[in-house]
Amino acid sequence: MSGWGDKTVILPLGYRYAAEYAGIRKQEKDDLALIVPDSPAQAAAVFTQNVVQASPVRLARKHLHRSNSKVAAVLVNAGNANCATRTGDRVALATCKALARALRTKTEYVIPSSTGVIGVELDSKLILDALPGLIGKLAPDAFDSVADAILTTDTRRKVASEELKLKNGVVRVAGMTKGSGMIHPNMATTLGFVMTDAAMDAGELHKLLRAATERSYNSLCVDGDTSTNDMVLLLANGASGVRPGGKERLVLQEVITWVMESLAEQIAADGEGARKLIVIRACGFKTNDDARRIARSVANSPLVKTAIAGSDPNWGRILAAAGYSGVKFDPADIEIDLQGVPVCRRGVAAEYDEPELKQKLDQAEVRIRIASRAKGKGEARFFTCDLTEGYIEINGSYRT
């Protein structure tokens, strides 16, 4: 199996995966997926902060609470968000109950998740009829099939993994995600599923996931729209027999964060209509939060994103976006680099070769650095993409 940058995905022990076409999508492509740990896993999740929340999001919250953060199965459908419908709650619950019966587990141990069009009724019979075939396909090596089945307007699979050698053995982390549009972070964005075979309790996982989300999914924007279905779920089944202790937990947190950062970066690179990944680094500000707010403001600016689309080194747009971020700073302290080329020093233009820089901005990855000479310790990294006519073409006909 190949992942980001054609790396082989290292799979955690003790998980099985399956995908099936249930007829939810118009296109005949797998649209129902299942992730099952061999024994119930400890879990932590973050969900959308949108006031409008899909039925599976609300039910997943309840199930995690009732199960004391244990998960025996994750059921995902693509092609229909199961949101803002008359039957959404009934569909989410009925499919969880049916899967729990088939797997001989408790209903509250099943986490539902959906992605797709909002406001269209989801026929539960499509899922219920597909469950036997789906369960029959469960296999440890079907990870990629699930990663493909959860995609919507994505143009490619998004996966990442890491392996960590600890004192008492090896633990593995693997994640998959989906998302190209309706991407704007607020506790979570899109759908993300991260699995590890380390032994950890739910309290540790919850703390770890929140920290990792800040540096990954909460440092990501494509179009400024927060979805109704956003969910990132972290599972730990203990199948490795290794329980990280002390400093090892911090190392594992960093490794899980790396996996989630890779997933977030892949979403940005595959933004709807995007031709370029944009990585923004803000540094030298008073706090990490200040740096993140500035980087987010630059990432959200349509003027910055369109300038990068046109390979226009218009650093004034970057400075202006930083200025309305709400962070107090002295403009005379600001430095801006594009592709490593100084374009602004002390808040005014630096000398650079514009034709040469325009060529560098034609590359598939563009790096923006905005720094304060005040030399604070706050820094942050943010992922986004350019804004092109392709975004309008995709979203102008999404339902049709």
Protein backbone atom coordinates (compact mmCIF):
# COMPACT_ATOMS: atom_id res chain seq x y z
CA MET A 1 0.00 0.00 0.00
CA SER A 2 1.23 3.48 -0.74
CA GLY A 3 0.52 6.70 1.08
CA TRP A 4 1.61 10.35 1.09
CA GLY A 5 4.77 10.59 -0.96
CA ASP A 6 4.41 6.92 -1.98
CA LYS A 7 5.42 5.72 1.48
CA THR A 8 4.31 2.27 2.59
CA VAL A 9 1.62 2.48 5.26
CA ILE A 10 2.62 0.72 8.49
CA LEU A 11 -0.54 -0.77 9.95
CA PRO A 12 -1.18 -1.09 13.70
CA LEU A 13 -1.87 -4.58 15.02
CA GLY A 14 -5.37 -5.72 15.88
CA TYR A 15 -7.61 -3.82 13.42
CA ARG A 16 -9.71 -5.01 10.48
CA TYR A 17 -11.18 -2.92 7.67
CA ALA A 18 -13.81 -3.29 4.95
CA ALA A 19 -15.52 -1.24 2.23
CA GLU A 20 -18.58 -1.88 0.06
CA TYR A 21 -20.82 -0.15 -2.48
CA ALA A 22 -24.24 0.28 -0.85
CA GLY A 23 -25.84 2.47 -3.54
CA ILE A 24 -25.64 5.72 -1.57
CA ARG A 25 -23.54 7.44 -4.22
CA LYS A 26 -24.85 7.97 -7.75
CA GLN A 27 -21.49 6.75 -9.01
CA GLU A 28 -20.81 3.03 -8.48
CA LYS A 29 -17.92 3.37 -6.06
CA ASP A 30 -17.52 2.07 -2.50
CA ASP A 31 -19.55 4.33 -0.19
CA LEU A 32 -19.79 2.32 3.04
CA ALA A 33 -16.79 1.52 5.25
CA LEU A 34 -16.07 -0.24 8.50
CA ILE A 35 -13.18 -0.14 10.97
CA VAL A 36 -13.20 -2.83 13.69
CA PRO A 37 -10.59 -3.33 16.43
CA ASP A 38 -10.19 -7.00 17.43
CA SER A 39 -11.30 -6.00 20.93
CA PRO A 40 -12.99 -2.74 21.99
CA ALA A 41 -10.51 0.14 21.81
CA GLN A 42 -10.13 3.15 24.06
CA ALA A 43 -11.17 6.24 22.13
CA ALA A 44 -11.13 10.02 22.01
CA ALA A 45 -12.80 12.30 19.50
CA VAL A 46 -13.21 15.92 18.52
CA PHE A 47 -16.26 17.11 16.61
CA THR A 48 -17.48 20.08 14.61
CA GLN A 49 -18.38 23.23 16.55
CA ASN A 50 -20.96 24.17 13.92
CA VAL A 51 -24.36 24.75 15.58
CA VAL A 52 -25.88 22.65 12.79
CA GLN A 53 -24.66 19.12 13.46
CA ALA A 54 -25.39 15.94 11.54
CA SER A 55 -27.24 13.08 13.23
CA PRO A 56 -24.16 10.79 13.31
CA VAL A 57 -22.15 13.51 15.07
CA ARG A 58 -24.75 13.87 17.80
CA LEU A 59 -25.12 10.11 18.19
CA ALA A 60 -21.35 9.53 18.23
CA ARG A 61 -21.04 11.98 21.14
CA LYS A 62 -23.74 10.09 23.06
CA HIS A 63 -22.19 6.70 22.35
CA LEU A 64 -18.73 7.75 23.51
CA HIS A 65 -20.25 9.07 26.73
CA ARG A 66 -22.40 5.98 27.36
CA SER A 67 -19.64 3.50 26.51
CA ASN A 68 -17.10 5.23 28.73
CA SER A 69 -15.04 5.95 25.59
CA LYS A 70 -14.90 2.38 24.28
CA VAL A 71 -15.33 1.66 20.56
CA ALA A 72 -15.91 -1.73 18.92
CA ALA A 73 -16.70 -0.45 15.41
CA VAL A 74 -16.69 2.69 13.26
CA LEU A 75 -19.30 2.79 10.49
CA VAL A 76 -18.78 5.45 7.80
CA ASN A 77 -20.90 6.29 4.79
CA ALA A 78 -20.02 8.70 1.96
CA GLY A 79 -22.35 10.42 -0.49
CA ASN A 80 -24.91 11.60 2.05
CA ALA A 81 -24.24 13.70 5.17
CA ASN A 82 -27.36 12.43 6.99
CA CYS A 83 -27.81 16.01 8.18
CA ALA A 84 -30.83 18.35 8.29
CA THR A 85 -33.27 15.57 7.39
CA ARG A 86 -36.50 14.28 8.92
CA THR A 87 -35.21 10.74 9.45
CA GLY A 88 -31.53 11.37 10.25
CA ASP A 89 -31.60 10.36 13.92
CA ARG A 90 -33.56 7.18 13.20
CA VAL A 91 -31.21 6.18 10.38
CA ALA A 92 -28.07 6.72 12.46
CA LEU A 93 -29.42 4.73 15.39
CA ALA A 94 -30.93 1.92 13.31
CA THR A 95 -27.69 1.30 11.42
CA CYS A 96 -25.66 1.30 14.66
CA LYS A 97 -28.08 -1.17 16.26
CA ALA A 98 -27.95 -3.50 13.26
CA LEU A 99 -24.16 -3.45 13.14
CA ALA A 100 -23.91 -4.04 16.90
CA ARG A 101 -26.18 -7.10 16.62
CA ALA A 102 -24.12 -8.49 13.74
CA LEU A 103 -20.83 -7.97 15.60
CA ARG A 104 -22.30 -9.10 18.93
CA THR A 105 -21.39 -5.91 20.71
CA LYS A 106 -23.26 -3.07 22.38
CA THR A 107 -24.95 -0.38 20.29
CA GLU A 108 -23.13 2.38 22.19
CA TYR A 109 -19.82 0.79 21.15
CA VAL A 110 -20.55 1.69 17.51
CA ILE A 111 -19.51 5.14 16.20
CA PRO A 112 -21.43 6.38 13.13
CA SER A 113 -19.96 8.90 10.69
CA SER A 114 -21.26 10.37 7.44
CA THR A 115 -20.06 12.71 4.70
CA GLY A 116 -21.71 14.06 1.58
CA VAL A 117 -24.66 16.21 0.58
CA ILE A 118 -26.61 17.98 3.37
CA GLY A 119 -30.40 17.95 3.43
CA VAL A 120 -31.06 14.78 1.45
CA GLU A 121 -32.83 11.86 3.19
CA LEU A 122 -30.61 8.80 3.66
CA ASP A 123 -32.32 5.46 3.06
CA SER A 124 -31.28 3.23 5.97
CA LYS A 125 -32.20 0.11 3.97
CA LEU A 126 -29.23 0.72 1.67
CA ILE A 127 -26.87 0.44 4.63
CA LEU A 128 -28.75 -2.36 6.40
CA ASP A 129 -28.79 -4.52 3.25
CA ALA A 130 -25.06 -3.95 2.69
CA LEU A 131 -23.93 -4.77 6.24
CA PRO A 132 -23.61 -8.57 5.85
CA GLY A 133 -21.40 -8.22 2.79
CA LEU A 134 -19.40 -5.46 4.44
CA ILE A 135 -18.76 -7.50 7.58
CA GLY A 136 -17.81 -10.49 5.46
CA LYS A 137 -15.05 -8.45 3.82
CA LEU A 138 -13.34 -7.45 7.09
CA ALA A 139 -9.59 -7.96 6.76
CA PRO A 140 -6.41 -6.53 8.35
CA ASP A 141 -5.05 -5.42 4.96
CA ALA A 142 -8.14 -3.54 3.67
CA PHE A 143 -7.01 -0.20 5.13
CA ASP A 144 -6.66 1.45 1.71
CA SER A 145 -10.15 0.33 0.68
CA VAL A 146 -11.64 2.25 3.60
CA ALA A 147 -9.41 5.26 2.92
CA ASP A 148 -10.78 5.34 -0.63
CA ALA A 149 -14.43 4.72 0.32
CA ILE A 150 -14.69 7.77 2.60
CA LEU A 151 -13.64 10.24 -0.13
CA THR A 152 -16.11 12.68 -1.74
CA THR A 153 -14.73 15.47 -3.96
CA ASP A 154 -11.18 14.38 -3.09
CA THR A 155 -8.96 13.49 -6.02
CA ARG A 156 -6.68 11.14 -4.11
CA ARG A 157 -6.35 8.94 -1.04
CA LYS A 158 -5.03 10.56 2.14
CA VAL A 159 -3.14 8.28 4.55
CA ALA A 160 -0.12 8.48 6.85
CA SER A 161 1.66 6.24 9.35
CA GLU A 162 4.59 6.05 11.75
CA GLU A 163 6.32 3.35 13.80
CA LEU A 164 7.88 4.03 17.19
CA LYS A 165 10.36 1.83 19.09
CA LEU A 166 9.90 2.13 22.84
CA LYS A 167 11.60 0.45 25.79
CA ASN A 168 9.15 -2.46 25.92
CA GLY A 169 8.48 -2.86 22.22
CA VAL A 170 7.18 -1.25 19.05
CA VAL A 171 3.94 0.71 18.64
CA ARG A 172 2.40 1.76 15.35
CA VAL A 173 0.15 4.64 14.30
CA ALA A 174 -1.82 4.88 11.04
CA GLY A 175 -4.39 7.44 9.95
CA MET A 176 -6.71 8.18 7.07
CA THR A 177 -8.72 11.28 6.27
CA LYS A 178 -10.91 12.88 3.64
CA GLY A 179 -11.58 16.43 2.59
CA SER A 180 -11.14 18.90 -0.24
CA GLY A 181 -13.83 21.49 0.37
CA MET A 182 -15.92 22.84 3.26
CA ILE A 183 -12.66 22.90 5.22
CA HIS A 184 -12.21 25.34 8.08
CA PRO A 185 -10.93 24.15 11.45
CA ASN A 186 -12.76 24.53 14.74
CA MET A 187 -11.87 21.59 16.99
CA ALA A 188 -11.93 19.27 13.96
CA THR A 189 -12.54 19.34 10.26
CA THR A 190 -13.62 16.77 7.68
CA LEU A 191 -13.38 13.14 8.78
CA GLY A 192 -10.21 11.65 10.23
CA PHE A 193 -9.60 8.21 11.75
CA VAL A 194 -6.30 7.51 13.52
CA MET A 195 -5.49 4.09 14.95
CA THR A 196 -2.67 2.96 17.24
CA ASP A 197 -1.88 -0.40 18.83
CA ALA A 198 -0.41 1.28 21.93
CA ALA A 199 -2.16 0.71 25.27
CA MET A 200 -3.52 4.01 26.60
CA ASP A 201 -6.53 5.07 28.62
CA ALA A 202 -9.22 7.38 27.30
CA GLY A 203 -8.14 10.32 29.47
CA GLU A 204 -4.62 10.21 28.03
CA LEU A 205 -5.99 9.91 24.50
CA HIS A 206 -8.34 12.85 24.93
CA LYS A 207 -5.54 15.14 26.13
CA LEU A 208 -3.22 13.90 23.38
CA LEU A 209 -5.82 14.35 20.64
CA ARG A 210 -6.65 17.91 21.60
CA ALA A 211 -2.97 18.90 21.50
CA ALA A 212 -2.39 17.11 18.19
CA THR A 213 -5.53 18.64 16.64
CA GLU A 214 -4.33 22.17 17.37
CA ARG A 215 -1.17 21.58 15.32
CA SER A 216 -2.87 19.69 12.49
CA TYR A 217 -6.60 19.86 11.72
CA ASN A 218 -6.99 23.18 13.56
CA SER A 219 -4.12 24.58 11.49
CA LEU A 220 -5.85 23.95 8.19
CA CYS A 221 -8.15 25.90 5.90
CA VAL A 222 -9.35 25.52 2.31
CA ASP A 223 -12.40 27.74 1.99
CA GLY A 224 -13.50 29.04 5.40
CA ASP A 225 -16.54 26.72 5.70
CA THR A 226 -16.83 24.50 8.78
CA SER A 227 -18.74 21.31 7.97
CA THR A 228 -21.73 19.95 9.87
CA ASN A 229 -20.15 16.47 9.97
CA ASP A 230 -16.58 17.08 11.14
CA MET A 231 -15.08 14.32 13.27
CA VAL A 232 -11.59 13.15 14.16
CA LEU A 233 -11.47 9.88 16.07
CA LEU A 234 -8.39 8.38 17.77
CA LEU A 235 -8.44 4.69 18.74
CA ALA A 236 -5.96 2.76 20.91
CA ASN A 237 -6.53 -1.01 21.19
CA GLY A 238 -3.39 -2.06 23.11
CA ALA A 239 -2.70 -4.92 20.67
CA SER A 240 1.06 -4.22 20.76
CA GLY A 241 1.12 -5.01 24.47
CA VAL A 242 3.11 -1.81 25.01
CA ARG A 243 1.91 0.87 27.41
CA PRO A 244 4.04 4.04 27.03
CA GLY A 245 5.02 5.58 30.32
CA GLY A 246 6.41 8.96 31.40
CA LYS A 247 8.38 10.63 28.63
CA GLU A 248 7.41 7.89 26.18
CA ARG A 249 3.85 9.24 26.18
CA LEU A 250 5.17 12.63 25.06
CA VAL A 251 7.14 10.96 22.27
CA LEU A 252 4.03 9.05 21.16
CA GLN A 253 2.03 12.29 21.24
CA GLU A 254 4.58 13.85 18.90
CA VAL A 255 4.42 10.86 16.54
CA ILE A 256 0.59 10.93 16.44
CA THR A 257 0.81 14.69 15.79
CA TRP A 258 3.17 14.04 12.86
CA VAL A 259 0.65 11.62 11.36
CA MET A 260 -2.19 14.12 11.80
CA GLU A 261 -0.08 16.99 10.40
CA SER A 262 0.61 14.89 7.31
CA LEU A 263 -3.12 14.21 6.90
CA ALA A 264 -3.95 17.91 7.26
CA GLU A 265 -1.26 18.86 4.74
CA GLN A 266 -2.66 16.33 2.26
CA ILE A 267 -6.14 17.86 2.60
CA ALA A 268 -4.75 21.32 1.85
CA ALA A 269 -2.79 20.02 -1.14
CA ASP A 270 -5.98 18.46 -2.52
CA GLY A 271 -8.22 21.48 -1.90
CA GLU A 272 -11.06 21.76 -4.40
CA GLY A 273 -9.66 23.26 -7.61
CA ALA A 274 -6.27 23.79 -5.98
CA ARG A 275 -3.04 23.69 -7.89
CA LYS A 276 -0.72 24.63 -5.01
CA LEU A 277 -0.23 23.70 -1.37
CA ILE A 278 0.53 26.78 0.77
CA VAL A 279 2.41 26.35 4.06
CA ILE A 280 2.43 29.45 6.27
CA ARG A 281 4.86 29.84 9.15
CA ALA A 282 4.39 32.64 11.68
CA CYS A 283 7.12 33.17 14.25
CA GLY A 284 8.54 35.72 16.68
CA PHE A 285 5.15 36.69 18.07
CA LYS A 286 4.25 36.92 21.74
CA THR A 287 2.43 33.58 22.06
CA ASN A 288 1.72 30.48 19.99
CA ASP A 289 -1.93 31.56 19.91
CA ASP A 290 -0.98 34.96 18.45
CA ALA A 291 1.16 33.26 15.80
CA ARG A 292 -1.66 30.84 14.92
CA ARG A 293 -4.21 33.66 14.65
CA ILE A 294 -1.94 35.54 12.25
CA ALA A 295 -1.19 32.45 10.17
CA ARG A 296 -4.90 31.58 10.07
CA SER A 297 -5.80 35.11 8.95
CA VAL A 298 -3.30 34.93 6.09
CA ALA A 299 -4.50 31.43 5.14
CA ASN A 300 -8.14 32.55 5.06
CA SER A 301 -7.54 35.56 2.83
CA PRO A 302 -9.02 35.08 -0.66
CA LEU A 303 -6.70 37.84 -1.88
CA VAL A 304 -3.61 35.98 -0.65
CA LYS A 305 -4.87 32.67 -2.05
CA THR A 306 -5.65 34.15 -5.48
CA ALA A 307 -2.30 35.96 -5.58
CA ILE A 308 -0.53 32.64 -5.02
CA ALA A 309 -2.74 31.05 -7.69
CA GLY A 310 -1.42 33.66 -10.13
CA SER A 311 2.19 33.44 -8.84
CA ASP A 312 1.95 37.12 -7.91
CA PRO A 313 4.42 38.07 -5.10
CA ASN A 314 1.91 40.53 -3.62
CA TRP A 315 3.25 40.52 -0.07
CA GLY A 316 1.09 43.55 0.81
CA ARG A 317 -1.93 41.25 0.92
CA ILE A 318 -0.13 39.04 3.46
CA LEU A 319 0.74 42.03 5.65
CA ALA A 320 -2.83 43.33 5.46
CA ALA A 321 -4.28 39.94 6.43
CA ALA A 322 -1.95 39.76 9.43
CA GLY A 323 -3.06 43.26 10.38
CA TYR A 324 -6.74 42.33 10.70
CA SER A 325 -6.05 39.08 12.61
CA GLY A 326 -6.79 40.82 15.91
CA VAL A 327 -3.21 40.37 17.13
CA LYS A 328 -1.43 43.54 18.26
CA PHE A 329 2.01 44.05 16.69
CA ASP A 330 4.17 46.83 15.31
CA PRO A 331 4.10 46.72 11.48
CA ALA A 332 7.66 48.07 11.48
CA ASP A 333 8.76 44.78 13.09
CA ILE A 334 7.36 42.55 10.34
CA GLU A 335 9.40 40.47 7.89
CA ILE A 336 7.86 38.40 5.08
CA ASP A 337 9.55 35.76 2.92
CA LEU A 338 8.05 33.99 -0.11
CA GLN A 339 9.76 30.74 -1.14
CA GLY A 340 12.67 31.78 1.06
CA VAL A 341 13.02 35.13 -0.73
CA PRO A 342 12.84 38.26 1.48
CA VAL A 343 10.04 40.47 0.09
CA CYS A 344 9.33 42.64 3.13
CA ARG A 345 11.65 43.94 5.83
CA ARG A 346 10.65 46.22 8.72
CA GLY A 347 7.17 46.48 7.25
CA VAL A 348 8.26 47.84 3.84
CA ALA A 349 9.39 46.35 0.53
CA ALA A 350 12.71 44.53 0.27
CA GLU A 351 14.63 44.35 -2.99
CA TYR A 352 14.15 41.10 -4.93
CA ASP A 353 14.11 39.80 -8.49
CA GLU A 354 10.37 39.67 -9.30
CA PRO A 355 10.54 37.53 -12.50
CA GLU A 356 12.72 34.98 -10.68
CA LEU A 357 10.36 34.90 -7.68
CA LYS A 358 7.32 34.50 -9.94
CA GLN A 359 8.97 31.37 -11.36
CA LYS A 360 9.49 30.02 -7.84
CA LEU A 361 5.83 30.72 -7.04
CA ASP A 362 4.83 28.50 -9.98
CA GLN A 363 5.93 25.48 -7.91
CA ALA A 364 3.35 23.04 -6.47
CA GLU A 365 4.27 24.00 -2.90
CA VAL A 366 4.54 27.61 -1.74
CA ARG A 367 6.01 28.61 1.60
CA ILE A 368 5.18 31.88 3.30
CA ARG A 369 7.09 33.09 6.34
CA ILE A 370 5.82 36.03 8.37
CA ALA A 371 7.97 36.95 11.35
CA SER A 372 8.18 39.62 14.02
CA ARG A 373 11.53 41.14 14.88
CA ALA A 374 10.21 41.51 18.43
CA LYS A 375 11.58 37.98 18.89
CA GLY A 376 8.74 36.53 20.89
CA LYS A 377 8.61 32.78 21.41
CA GLY A 378 5.25 32.21 19.72
CA GLU A 379 5.20 30.28 16.47
CA ALA A 380 2.73 28.29 14.39
CA ARG A 381 2.40 26.51 11.07
CA PHE A 382 -0.77 26.58 8.96
CA PHE A 383 -1.83 24.69 5.83
CA THR A 384 -4.00 26.03 3.01
CA CYS A 385 -4.12 26.09 -0.80
CA ASP A 386 -4.54 28.54 -3.65
CA LEU A 387 -7.99 29.61 -4.83
CA THR A 388 -8.73 28.99 -8.49
CA GLU A 389 -11.66 28.94 -10.90
CA GLY A 390 -11.77 25.18 -10.31
CA TYR A 391 -13.25 25.73 -6.85
CA ILE A 392 -16.25 27.52 -8.35
CA GLU A 393 -16.72 24.85 -11.02
CA ILE A 394 -16.76 22.04 -8.45
CA ASN A 395 -19.06 23.74 -5.95
CA GLY A 396 -21.36 25.29 -8.52
CA SER A 397 -22.54 21.80 -9.48
CA TYR A 398 -21.92 19.76 -6.28
CA ARG A 399 -25.54 18.54 -5.91
CA THR A 400 -26.15 18.01 -9.62
